[in-house]
């Protein structure tokens, strides 16, 4: 459109039409209605996240057993935490569990999604989806009791059938070399359905035209998978890795119900250690220091994941 035409139409070359009201980034006066709509969420945030966070910072500076008045000790709780020999092992168990969960969930969820996404009978497809996702709907308490029975070394059915095959079953929850691996396996069975649904949703967003174009150009299945499917699913993989790590780092229920952190602290996680210090030993200040350490670790790992995502996640 020429300049004369723009003038005739009531516009200029650089700005909006002359009749269009100007916009501004400044908040409009009398916009209190927006704060009213935000207030329920803000109240909940302050009550359940902001308030407890500030309380944890304050309590970490005190020695308090819930029975006697709190005593200010400064950074003594943090000094005791970093000199605690059990703390390093607890963090090691938690990182092993979280990293194993991320790897097994990403690989297992993606493979299951690829298998289910293939053309199959619609009824069978829905049945398989439901069967994979169903364990995720069961509470951790029921899942823990179920697997404690299945893997029982004396009358558990899994041990029984291994004996029939001539395989000597290890002490799934009593052997320090097997206890954490058993918890990882139970967590995989219980929560893989959630990762599977995320992967399936991401897989179905891959344009079929791109896959067909790659095949027309002579790409085989492996090349299509690594050069088309994985790059287009990278945002989904990144999201699943972040969510899985954050959830796995806070694992508590199956450890508490099945092993109580044993044997020999081989399954003790940092959240369970926090629970023991805070609600069994009543070292509230020390438990608050552990809670702050957990928050810092999770924040740093998440920031690291976002920083690394710039190199492999496609927009």
C-alpha atoms as a PDB file:
ATOM      1  CA  UNK A   1       0.000   0.000   0.000  1.00  0.00           C
ATOM      2  CA  UNK A   2       1.409   3.394  -0.983  1.00  0.00           C
ATOM      3  CA  UNK A   3       1.669   6.380   1.364  1.00  0.00           C
ATOM      4  CA  UNK A   4      -1.187   8.178  -0.362  1.00  0.00           C
ATOM      5  CA  UNK A   5      -3.323   5.082  -0.082  1.00  0.00           C
ATOM      6  CA  UNK A   6      -2.474   4.801   3.649  1.00  0.00           C
ATOM      7  CA  UNK A   7      -3.445   8.439   4.151  1.00  0.00           C
ATOM      8  CA  UNK A   8      -6.662   7.872   2.264  1.00  0.00           C
ATOM      9  CA  UNK A   9      -7.412   4.889   4.493  1.00  0.00           C
ATOM     10  CA  UNK A  10      -6.726   6.929   7.651  1.00  0.00           C
ATOM     11  CA  UNK A  11      -3.389   5.264   8.451  1.00  0.00           C
ATOM     12  CA  UNK A  12       0.254   6.302   8.388  1.00  0.00           C
ATOM     13  CA  UNK A  13       3.417   4.394   7.457  1.00  0.00           C
ATOM     14  CA  UNK A  14       4.653   3.834  10.986  1.00  0.00           C
ATOM     15  CA  UNK A  15       1.705   3.848  13.352  1.00  0.00           C
ATOM     16  CA  UNK A  16      -1.756   2.394  13.799  1.00  0.00           C
ATOM     17  CA  UNK A  17      -4.814   3.841  12.058  1.00  0.00           C
ATOM     18  CA  UNK A  18      -5.639   7.347  13.242  1.00  0.00           C
ATOM     19  CA  UNK A  19      -8.917   6.169  14.754  1.00  0.00           C
ATOM     20  CA  UNK A  20      -7.324   3.319  16.747  1.00  0.00           C
ATOM     21  CA  UNK A  21      -6.987   4.042  20.509  1.00  0.00           C
ATOM     22  CA  UNK A  22      -3.395   4.019  21.743  1.00  0.00           C
ATOM     23  CA  UNK A  23      -2.277   1.144  23.944  1.00  0.00           C
ATOM     24  CA  UNK A  24       0.063   1.470  26.910  1.00  0.00           C
ATOM     25  CA  UNK A  25       1.921  -0.900  29.222  1.00  0.00           C
ATOM     26  CA  UNK A  26       0.932   1.130  32.267  1.00  0.00           C
ATOM     27  CA  UNK A  27      -1.778  -0.503  34.404  1.00  0.00           C
ATOM     28  CA  UNK A  28      -5.140   1.125  34.017  1.00  0.00           C
ATOM     29  CA  UNK A  29      -6.452   3.100  36.948  1.00  0.00           C
ATOM     30  CA  UNK A  30      -9.161   1.363  38.937  1.00  0.00           C
ATOM     31  CA  UNK A  31      -7.992  -2.148  37.924  1.00  0.00           C
ATOM     32  CA  UNK A  32      -8.583  -3.472  41.452  1.00  0.00           C
ATOM     33  CA  UNK A  33     -10.929  -6.071  40.017  1.00  0.00           C
ATOM     34  CA  UNK A  34      -7.906  -7.963  38.729  1.00  0.00           C
ATOM     35  CA  UNK A  35      -6.427  -8.189  42.210  1.00  0.00           C
ATOM     36  CA  UNK A  36      -9.769  -9.470  43.506  1.00  0.00           C
ATOM     37  CA  UNK A  37      -9.673 -12.315  40.978  1.00  0.00           C
ATOM     38  CA  UNK A  38      -6.052 -13.070  41.916  1.00  0.00           C
ATOM     39  CA  UNK A  39      -6.626 -12.976  45.659  1.00  0.00           C
ATOM     40  CA  UNK A  40      -7.845 -16.614  46.149  1.00  0.00           C
ATOM     41  CA  UNK A  41      -4.740 -17.981  44.434  1.00  0.00           C
ATOM     42  CA  UNK A  42      -2.498 -15.531  46.300  1.00  0.00           C
ATOM     43  CA  UNK A  43      -4.047 -16.453  49.658  1.00  0.00           C
ATOM     44  CA  UNK A  44      -3.539 -20.166  48.972  1.00  0.00           C
ATOM     45  CA  UNK A  45       0.037 -19.530  47.817  1.00  0.00           C
ATOM     46  CA  UNK A  46       0.883 -17.564  50.954  1.00  0.00           C
ATOM     47  CA  UNK A  47      -0.846 -20.077  53.240  1.00  0.00           C
ATOM     48  CA  UNK A  48       0.581 -23.295  51.801  1.00  0.00           C
ATOM     49  CA  UNK A  49       3.849 -22.311  50.065  1.00  0.00           C
ATOM     50  CA  UNK A  50       5.135 -18.858  50.977  1.00  0.00           C
ATOM     51  CA  UNK A  51       4.267 -19.047  54.679  1.00  0.00           C
ATOM     52  CA  UNK A  52       5.773 -22.515  55.313  1.00  0.00           C
ATOM     53  CA  UNK A  53       8.870 -21.541  53.323  1.00  0.00           C
ATOM     54  CA  UNK A  54       9.490 -18.482  55.493  1.00  0.00           C
ATOM     55  CA  UNK A  55       8.720 -20.532  58.614  1.00  0.00           C
ATOM     56  CA  UNK A  56      11.299 -23.160  57.551  1.00  0.00           C
ATOM     57  CA  UNK A  57      13.947 -20.449  57.131  1.00  0.00           C
ATOM     58  CA  UNK A  58      13.203 -19.050  60.596  1.00  0.00           C
ATOM     59  CA  UNK A  59      12.980 -22.460  62.325  1.00  0.00           C
ATOM     60  CA  UNK A  60      16.283 -23.583  60.794  1.00  0.00           C
ATOM     61  CA  UNK A  61      17.977 -20.943  62.969  1.00  0.00           C
ATOM     62  CA  UNK A  62      16.516 -22.365  66.183  1.00  0.00           C
ATOM     63  CA  UNK A  63      16.799 -25.478  68.313  1.00  0.00           C
ATOM     64  CA  UNK A  64      13.257 -26.595  69.110  1.00  0.00           C
ATOM     65  CA  UNK A  65      11.723 -29.885  70.267  1.00  0.00           C
ATOM     66  CA  UNK A  66       8.068 -28.692  70.340  1.00  0.00           C
ATOM     67  CA  UNK A  67       8.018 -29.005  74.156  1.00  0.00           C
ATOM     68  CA  UNK A  68      10.445 -26.323  75.312  1.00  0.00           C
ATOM     69  CA  UNK A  69      10.746 -22.733  74.035  1.00  0.00           C
ATOM     70  CA  UNK A  70      12.800 -22.373  70.819  1.00  0.00           C
ATOM     71  CA  UNK A  71      16.450 -21.412  71.341  1.00  0.00           C
ATOM     72  CA  UNK A  72      18.284 -19.345  68.737  1.00  0.00           C
ATOM     73  CA  UNK A  73      21.397 -21.209  67.520  1.00  0.00           C
ATOM     74  CA  UNK A  74      22.196 -19.351  64.290  1.00  0.00           C
ATOM     75  CA  UNK A  75      23.690 -21.628  61.617  1.00  0.00           C
ATOM     76  CA  UNK A  76      24.390 -24.494  64.017  1.00  0.00           C
ATOM     77  CA  UNK A  77      21.739 -26.736  62.403  1.00  0.00           C
ATOM     78  CA  UNK A  78      23.378 -26.307  58.991  1.00  0.00           C
ATOM     79  CA  UNK A  79      26.825 -27.050  60.455  1.00  0.00           C
ATOM     80  CA  UNK A  80      25.454 -30.207  62.081  1.00  0.00           C
ATOM     81  CA  UNK A  81      23.715 -31.231  58.845  1.00  0.00           C
ATOM     82  CA  UNK A  82      26.842 -30.912  56.695  1.00  0.00           C
ATOM     83  CA  UNK A  83      28.916 -32.830  59.267  1.00  0.00           C
ATOM     84  CA  UNK A  84      26.315 -35.597  59.592  1.00  0.00           C
ATOM     85  CA  UNK A  85      27.860 -38.797  58.103  1.00  0.00           C
ATOM     86  CA  UNK A  86      24.410 -40.216  57.343  1.00  0.00           C
ATOM     87  CA  UNK A  87      23.386 -37.152  55.334  1.00  0.00           C
ATOM     88  CA  UNK A  88      25.786 -37.947  52.479  1.00  0.00           C
ATOM     89  CA  UNK A  89      24.442 -41.480  52.168  1.00  0.00           C
ATOM     90  CA  UNK A  90      20.852 -40.252  52.308  1.00  0.00           C
ATOM     91  CA  UNK A  91      21.521 -37.774  49.499  1.00  0.00           C
ATOM     92  CA  UNK A  92      23.306 -40.485  47.512  1.00  0.00           C
ATOM     93  CA  UNK A  93      20.324 -42.840  47.818  1.00  0.00           C
ATOM     94  CA  UNK A  94      17.966 -40.064  46.760  1.00  0.00           C
ATOM     95  CA  UNK A  95      20.021 -39.076  43.712  1.00  0.00           C
ATOM     96  CA  UNK A  96      20.383 -42.722  42.645  1.00  0.00           C
ATOM     97  CA  UNK A  97      16.638 -43.211  42.960  1.00  0.00           C
ATOM     98  CA  UNK A  98      15.815 -39.962  41.113  1.00  0.00           C
ATOM     99  CA  UNK A  99      18.254 -40.526  38.240  1.00  0.00           C
ATOM    100  CA  UNK A 100      17.177 -44.160  37.844  1.00  0.00           C
ATOM    101  CA  UNK A 101      13.544 -43.048  37.789  1.00  0.00           C
ATOM    102  CA  UNK A 102      14.197 -40.411  35.116  1.00  0.00           C
ATOM    103  CA  UNK A 103      16.052 -42.851  32.845  1.00  0.00           C
ATOM    104  CA  UNK A 104      13.638 -45.777  33.244  1.00  0.00           C
ATOM    105  CA  UNK A 105      10.544 -43.593  32.932  1.00  0.00           C
ATOM    106  CA  UNK A 106      11.722 -41.743  29.830  1.00  0.00           C
ATOM    107  CA  UNK A 107      12.856 -44.906  28.059  1.00  0.00           C
ATOM    108  CA  UNK A 108       9.980 -47.104  29.244  1.00  0.00           C
ATOM    109  CA  UNK A 109       7.308 -44.462  28.690  1.00  0.00           C
ATOM    110  CA  UNK A 110       8.574 -43.683  25.184  1.00  0.00           C
ATOM    111  CA  UNK A 111       8.777 -47.348  24.167  1.00  0.00           C
ATOM    112  CA  UNK A 112       5.271 -48.044  25.491  1.00  0.00           C
ATOM    113  CA  UNK A 113       3.915 -44.966  23.712  1.00  0.00           C
ATOM    114  CA  UNK A 114       5.539 -46.028  20.433  1.00  0.00           C
ATOM    115  CA  UNK A 115       4.056 -49.509  20.747  1.00  0.00           C
ATOM    116  CA  UNK A 116       0.553 -48.286  21.598  1.00  0.00           C
ATOM    117  CA  UNK A 117       0.640 -45.548  18.956  1.00  0.00           C
ATOM    118  CA  UNK A 118       1.031 -48.115  16.209  1.00  0.00           C
ATOM    119  CA  UNK A 119      -2.097 -49.040  14.326  1.00  0.00           C
ATOM    120  CA  UNK A 120      -4.052 -51.662  16.206  1.00  0.00           C
ATOM    121  CA  UNK A 121      -7.641 -52.533  16.954  1.00  0.00           C
ATOM    122  CA  UNK A 122      -9.298 -49.541  18.638  1.00  0.00           C
ATOM    123  CA  UNK A 123     -10.766 -51.601  21.472  1.00  0.00           C
ATOM    124  CA  UNK A 124      -7.422 -53.257  22.127  1.00  0.00           C
ATOM    125  CA  UNK A 125      -5.729 -49.856  21.987  1.00  0.00           C
ATOM    126  CA  UNK A 126      -8.032 -48.433  24.679  1.00  0.00           C
ATOM    127  CA  UNK A 127      -7.611 -51.559  26.808  1.00  0.00           C
ATOM    128  CA  UNK A 128      -3.809 -51.339  26.664  1.00  0.00           C
ATOM    129  CA  UNK A 129      -3.859 -47.630  27.533  1.00  0.00           C
ATOM    130  CA  UNK A 130      -6.107 -48.277  30.522  1.00  0.00           C
ATOM    131  CA  UNK A 131      -4.050 -51.253  31.699  1.00  0.00           C
ATOM    132  CA  UNK A 132      -0.830 -49.223  31.634  1.00  0.00           C
ATOM    133  CA  UNK A 133      -2.325 -46.159  33.316  1.00  0.00           C
ATOM    134  CA  UNK A 134      -4.438 -48.000  35.916  1.00  0.00           C
ATOM    135  CA  UNK A 135      -1.684 -48.622  38.545  1.00  0.00           C
ATOM    136  CA  UNK A 136      -1.113 -44.858  38.722  1.00  0.00           C
ATOM    137  CA  UNK A 137      -4.638 -44.479  40.112  1.00  0.00           C
ATOM    138  CA  UNK A 138      -3.937 -46.775  43.080  1.00  0.00           C
ATOM    139  CA  UNK A 139      -2.748 -45.182  46.303  1.00  0.00           C
ATOM    140  CA  UNK A 140       0.867 -45.644  47.355  1.00  0.00           C
ATOM    141  CA  UNK A 141      -0.282 -47.379  50.549  1.00  0.00           C
ATOM    142  CA  UNK A 142      -2.130 -50.110  48.633  1.00  0.00           C
ATOM    143  CA  UNK A 143       0.708 -50.475  46.116  1.00  0.00           C
ATOM    144  CA  UNK A 144       3.291 -50.819  48.883  1.00  0.00           C
ATOM    145  CA  UNK A 145       1.299 -53.483  50.740  1.00  0.00           C
ATOM    146  CA  UNK A 146       0.654 -55.350  47.485  1.00  0.00           C
ATOM    147  CA  UNK A 147       4.323 -55.520  46.498  1.00  0.00           C
ATOM    148  CA  UNK A 148       5.451 -56.304  50.039  1.00  0.00           C
ATOM    149  CA  UNK A 149       3.242 -59.394  49.790  1.00  0.00           C
ATOM    150  CA  UNK A 150       4.255 -60.304  46.208  1.00  0.00           C
ATOM    151  CA  UNK A 151       7.984 -60.102  47.021  1.00  0.00           C
ATOM    152  CA  UNK A 152       7.756 -61.678  50.453  1.00  0.00           C
ATOM    153  CA  UNK A 153      10.724 -64.096  50.831  1.00  0.00           C
ATOM    154  CA  UNK A 154       8.653 -66.883  52.460  1.00  0.00           C
ATOM    155  CA  UNK A 155       5.196 -66.979  50.882  1.00  0.00           C
ATOM    156  CA  UNK A 156       5.290 -64.344  48.124  1.00  0.00           C
ATOM    157  CA  UNK A 157       4.126 -65.638  44.707  1.00  0.00           C
ATOM    158  CA  UNK A 158       7.066 -64.072  42.871  1.00  0.00           C
ATOM    159  CA  UNK A 159       9.561 -65.892  45.075  1.00  0.00           C
ATOM    160  CA  UNK A 160       7.529 -69.100  44.752  1.00  0.00           C
ATOM    161  CA  UNK A 161       7.634 -69.133  40.938  1.00  0.00           C
ATOM    162  CA  UNK A 162      11.325 -68.248  40.898  1.00  0.00           C
ATOM    163  CA  UNK A 163      11.938 -71.265  43.125  1.00  0.00           C
ATOM    164  CA  UNK A 164       9.971 -73.396  40.660  1.00  0.00           C
ATOM    165  CA  UNK A 165      12.336 -72.217  37.918  1.00  0.00           C
ATOM    166  CA  UNK A 166      15.338 -73.100  40.054  1.00  0.00           C
ATOM    167  CA  UNK A 167      16.253 -69.472  40.730  1.00  0.00           C
ATOM    168  CA  UNK A 168      17.093 -68.474  44.272  1.00  0.00           C
ATOM    169  CA  UNK A 169      15.340 -65.187  45.010  1.00  0.00           C
ATOM    170  CA  UNK A 170      17.320 -62.533  46.869  1.00  0.00           C
ATOM    171  CA  UNK A 171      16.012 -60.704  49.902  1.00  0.00           C
ATOM    172  CA  UNK A 172      14.186 -58.027  47.935  1.00  0.00           C
ATOM    173  CA  UNK A 173      13.713 -55.764  50.963  1.00  0.00           C
ATOM    174  CA  UNK A 174      16.213 -57.257  53.403  1.00  0.00           C
ATOM    175  CA  UNK A 175      19.360 -57.308  51.267  1.00  0.00           C
ATOM    176  CA  UNK A 176      21.060 -53.854  51.139  1.00  0.00           C
ATOM    177  CA  UNK A 177      22.175 -54.599  47.561  1.00  0.00           C
ATOM    178  CA  UNK A 178      18.594 -55.213  46.391  1.00  0.00           C
ATOM    179  CA  UNK A 179      16.369 -53.059  48.588  1.00  0.00           C
ATOM    180  CA  UNK A 180      16.764 -49.753  46.709  1.00  0.00           C
ATOM    181  CA  UNK A 181      16.508 -51.497  43.337  1.00  0.00           C
ATOM    182  CA  UNK A 182      13.263 -53.109  44.488  1.00  0.00           C
ATOM    183  CA  UNK A 183      11.830 -49.717  45.461  1.00  0.00           C
ATOM    184  CA  UNK A 184      12.886 -48.327  42.058  1.00  0.00           C
ATOM    185  CA  UNK A 185      11.096 -51.212  40.323  1.00  0.00           C
ATOM    186  CA  UNK A 186       7.916 -50.704  42.360  1.00  0.00           C
ATOM    187  CA  UNK A 187       7.955 -46.975  41.637  1.00  0.00           C
ATOM    188  CA  UNK A 188       8.339 -47.737  37.916  1.00  0.00           C
ATOM    189  CA  UNK A 189       5.332 -50.087  37.954  1.00  0.00           C
ATOM    190  CA  UNK A 190       3.206 -47.571  39.798  1.00  0.00           C
ATOM    191  CA  UNK A 191       4.010 -44.315  37.984  1.00  0.00           C
ATOM    192  CA  UNK A 192       5.015 -45.328  34.461  1.00  0.00           C
ATOM    193  CA  UNK A 193       1.402 -44.798  33.354  1.00  0.00           C
ATOM    194  CA  UNK A 194       1.712 -41.053  33.939  1.00  0.00           C
ATOM    195  CA  UNK A 195       4.887 -40.784  31.849  1.00  0.00           C
ATOM    196  CA  UNK A 196       3.325 -43.038  29.217  1.00  0.00           C
ATOM    197  CA  UNK A 197       0.329 -40.715  28.807  1.00  0.00           C
ATOM    198  CA  UNK A 198       2.619 -37.687  28.424  1.00  0.00           C
ATOM    199  CA  UNK A 199       4.736 -39.493  25.823  1.00  0.00           C
ATOM    200  CA  UNK A 200       1.691 -40.706  23.921  1.00  0.00           C
ATOM    201  CA  UNK A 201       0.272 -37.182  23.778  1.00  0.00           C
ATOM    202  CA  UNK A 202       3.617 -35.845  22.532  1.00  0.00           C
ATOM    203  CA  UNK A 203       3.953 -38.617  19.980  1.00  0.00           C
ATOM    204  CA  UNK A 204       0.546 -37.860  18.505  1.00  0.00           C
ATOM    205  CA  UNK A 205       1.568 -34.245  17.881  1.00  0.00           C
ATOM    206  CA  UNK A 206       4.303 -35.320  15.449  1.00  0.00           C
ATOM    207  CA  UNK A 207       2.992 -34.354  11.972  1.00  0.00           C
ATOM    208  CA  UNK A 208       2.480 -37.438   9.841  1.00  0.00           C
ATOM    209  CA  UNK A 209       3.348 -35.390   6.753  1.00  0.00           C
ATOM    210  CA  UNK A 210       6.916 -34.976   8.005  1.00  0.00           C
ATOM    211  CA  UNK A 211       7.258 -38.704   8.674  1.00  0.00           C
ATOM    212  CA  UNK A 212       5.871 -39.551   5.231  1.00  0.00           C
ATOM    213  CA  UNK A 213       8.145 -36.962   3.603  1.00  0.00           C
ATOM    214  CA  UNK A 214      11.179 -38.489   5.332  1.00  0.00           C
ATOM    215  CA  UNK A 215      10.197 -41.982   4.174  1.00  0.00           C
ATOM    216  CA  UNK A 216       9.665 -40.677   0.643  1.00  0.00           C
ATOM    217  CA  UNK A 217      13.225 -39.325   0.756  1.00  0.00           C
ATOM    218  CA  UNK A 218      14.459 -42.827   1.612  1.00  0.00           C
ATOM    219  CA  UNK A 219      14.788 -42.638   5.407  1.00  0.00           C
ATOM    220  CA  UNK A 220      14.480 -45.936   7.260  1.00  0.00           C
ATOM    221  CA  UNK A 221      12.716 -46.447  10.599  1.00  0.00           C
ATOM    222  CA  UNK A 222      15.820 -45.661  12.665  1.00  0.00           C
ATOM    223  CA  UNK A 223      16.496 -42.441  10.751  1.00  0.00           C
ATOM    224  CA  UNK A 224      12.862 -41.354  11.049  1.00  0.00           C
ATOM    225  CA  UNK A 225      12.915 -42.044  14.790  1.00  0.00           C
ATOM    226  CA  UNK A 226      16.153 -40.209  15.592  1.00  0.00           C
ATOM    227  CA  UNK A 227      15.933 -37.396  13.012  1.00  0.00           C
ATOM    228  CA  UNK A 228      12.207 -36.646  12.990  1.00  0.00           C
ATOM    229  CA  UNK A 229      10.355 -38.134  15.962  1.00  0.00           C
ATOM    230  CA  UNK A 230      12.852 -37.442  18.762  1.00  0.00           C
ATOM    231  CA  UNK A 231      13.566 -33.791  17.767  1.00  0.00           C
ATOM    232  CA  UNK A 232       9.852 -33.031  17.505  1.00  0.00           C
ATOM    233  CA  UNK A 233       9.221 -34.729  20.846  1.00  0.00           C
ATOM    234  CA  UNK A 234      12.100 -33.004  22.632  1.00  0.00           C
ATOM    235  CA  UNK A 235       9.789 -30.528  24.477  1.00  0.00           C
ATOM    236  CA  UNK A 236       7.741 -33.488  25.746  1.00  0.00           C
ATOM    237  CA  UNK A 237      10.881 -35.377  26.810  1.00  0.00           C
ATOM    238  CA  UNK A 238      12.175 -32.297  28.606  1.00  0.00           C
ATOM    239  CA  UNK A 239       8.876 -31.777  30.444  1.00  0.00           C
ATOM    240  CA  UNK A 240       8.743 -35.445  31.469  1.00  0.00           C
ATOM    241  CA  UNK A 241      12.337 -35.384  32.728  1.00  0.00           C
ATOM    242  CA  UNK A 242      11.703 -32.322  34.918  1.00  0.00           C
ATOM    243  CA  UNK A 243       8.452 -33.643  36.370  1.00  0.00           C
ATOM    244  CA  UNK A 244       9.872 -37.123  36.986  1.00  0.00           C
ATOM    245  CA  UNK A 245      12.980 -35.842  38.755  1.00  0.00           C
ATOM    246  CA  UNK A 246      11.021 -33.514  41.028  1.00  0.00           C
ATOM    247  CA  UNK A 247       8.593 -36.289  41.937  1.00  0.00           C
ATOM    248  CA  UNK A 248      11.268 -38.933  42.450  1.00  0.00           C
ATOM    249  CA  UNK A 249      13.402 -36.683  44.644  1.00  0.00           C
ATOM    250  CA  UNK A 250      10.473 -36.439  47.066  1.00  0.00           C
ATOM    251  CA  UNK A 251       9.797 -40.196  47.276  1.00  0.00           C
ATOM    252  CA  UNK A 252       8.544 -41.148  50.722  1.00  0.00           C
ATOM    253  CA  UNK A 253       5.474 -43.410  50.925  1.00  0.00           C
ATOM    254  CA  UNK A 254       6.830 -46.774  49.654  1.00  0.00           C
ATOM    255  CA  UNK A 255      10.056 -46.372  51.612  1.00  0.00           C
ATOM    256  CA  UNK A 256       8.207 -45.628  54.827  1.00  0.00           C
ATOM    257  CA  UNK A 257       5.690 -48.458  54.409  1.00  0.00           C
ATOM    258  CA  UNK A 258       7.940 -51.213  53.036  1.00  0.00           C
ATOM    259  CA  UNK A 259      11.458 -50.768  54.402  1.00  0.00           C
ATOM    260  CA  UNK A 260      11.362 -47.822  56.837  1.00  0.00           C
ATOM    261  CA  UNK A 261      14.681 -46.766  55.311  1.00  0.00           C
ATOM    262  CA  UNK A 262      16.430 -50.097  55.912  1.00  0.00           C
ATOM    263  CA  UNK A 263      18.218 -52.380  55.722  1.00  0.00           C
ATOM    264  CA  UNK A 264      21.313 -50.537  56.924  1.00  0.00           C
ATOM    265  CA  UNK A 265      19.876 -47.217  55.644  1.00  0.00           C
ATOM    266  CA  UNK A 266      20.165 -48.496  52.066  1.00  0.00           C
ATOM    267  CA  UNK A 267      16.725 -47.076  51.151  1.00  0.00           C
ATOM    268  CA  UNK A 268      16.737 -44.007  53.380  1.00  0.00           C
ATOM    269  CA  UNK A 269      15.819 -40.975  51.244  1.00  0.00           C
ATOM    270  CA  UNK A 270      16.227 -37.339  52.149  1.00  0.00           C
ATOM    271  CA  UNK A 271      12.489 -36.735  52.654  1.00  0.00           C
ATOM    272  CA  UNK A 272      12.235 -39.737  54.952  1.00  0.00           C
ATOM    273  CA  UNK A 273      15.297 -38.516  56.860  1.00  0.00           C
ATOM    274  CA  UNK A 274      13.597 -35.120  57.190  1.00  0.00           C
ATOM    275  CA  UNK A 275      10.464 -36.861  58.525  1.00  0.00           C
ATOM    276  CA  UNK A 276      12.449 -38.851  61.060  1.00  0.00           C
ATOM    277  CA  UNK A 277      14.322 -35.801  62.342  1.00  0.00           C
ATOM    278  CA  UNK A 278      11.237 -33.601  62.481  1.00  0.00           C
ATOM    279  CA  UNK A 279       8.372 -35.858  63.549  1.00  0.00           C
ATOM    280  CA  UNK A 280      10.053 -38.753  65.355  1.00  0.00           C
ATOM    281  CA  UNK A 281      13.125 -37.160  66.964  1.00  0.00           C
ATOM    282  CA  UNK A 282      11.441 -33.698  67.195  1.00  0.00           C
ATOM    283  CA  UNK A 283      14.540 -31.848  65.984  1.00  0.00           C
ATOM    284  CA  UNK A 284      12.451 -29.216  64.242  1.00  0.00           C
ATOM    285  CA  UNK A 285      15.333 -26.839  63.524  1.00  0.00           C
ATOM    286  CA  UNK A 286      17.475 -29.580  61.988  1.00  0.00           C
ATOM    287  CA  UNK A 287      14.554 -30.862  59.902  1.00  0.00           C
ATOM    288  CA  UNK A 288      13.918 -27.311  58.652  1.00  0.00           C
ATOM    289  CA  UNK A 289      17.556 -27.055  57.578  1.00  0.00           C
ATOM    290  CA  UNK A 290      17.189 -30.342  55.663  1.00  0.00           C
ATOM    291  CA  UNK A 291      14.002 -29.015  54.037  1.00  0.00           C
ATOM    292  CA  UNK A 292      15.850 -25.912  52.847  1.00  0.00           C
ATOM    293  CA  UNK A 293      18.656 -28.082  51.471  1.00  0.00           C
ATOM    294  CA  UNK A 294      16.094 -30.157  49.539  1.00  0.00           C
ATOM    295  CA  UNK A 295      14.559 -26.969  48.128  1.00  0.00           C
ATOM    296  CA  UNK A 296      17.949 -25.624  47.028  1.00  0.00           C
ATOM    297  CA  UNK A 297      18.963 -28.924  45.400  1.00  0.00           C
ATOM    298  CA  UNK A 298      15.695 -29.251  43.496  1.00  0.00           C
ATOM    299  CA  UNK A 299      15.853 -25.627  42.347  1.00  0.00           C
ATOM    300  CA  UNK A 300      19.472 -25.950  41.172  1.00  0.00           C
ATOM    301  CA  UNK A 301      18.828 -29.221  39.322  1.00  0.00           C
ATOM    302  CA  UNK A 302      15.749 -27.743  37.645  1.00  0.00           C
ATOM    303  CA  UNK A 303      17.686 -24.640  36.588  1.00  0.00           C
ATOM    304  CA  UNK A 304      20.433 -26.921  35.268  1.00  0.00           C
ATOM    305  CA  UNK A 305      17.844 -28.848  33.264  1.00  0.00           C
ATOM    306  CA  UNK A 306      16.477 -25.620  31.781  1.00  0.00           C
ATOM    307  CA  UNK A 307      19.996 -24.469  30.943  1.00  0.00           C
ATOM    308  CA  UNK A 308      20.798 -27.774  29.254  1.00  0.00           C
ATOM    309  CA  UNK A 309      17.467 -27.746  27.407  1.00  0.00           C
ATOM    310  CA  UNK A 310      18.712 -24.886  25.203  1.00  0.00           C
ATOM    311  CA  UNK A 311      21.112 -27.335  23.549  1.00  0.00           C
ATOM    312  CA  UNK A 312      18.722 -30.160  22.695  1.00  0.00           C
ATOM    313  CA  UNK A 313      15.083 -29.038  22.987  1.00  0.00           C
ATOM    314  CA  UNK A 314      13.583 -27.735  19.748  1.00  0.00           C
ATOM    315  CA  UNK A 315      10.969 -24.964  19.859  1.00  0.00           C
END
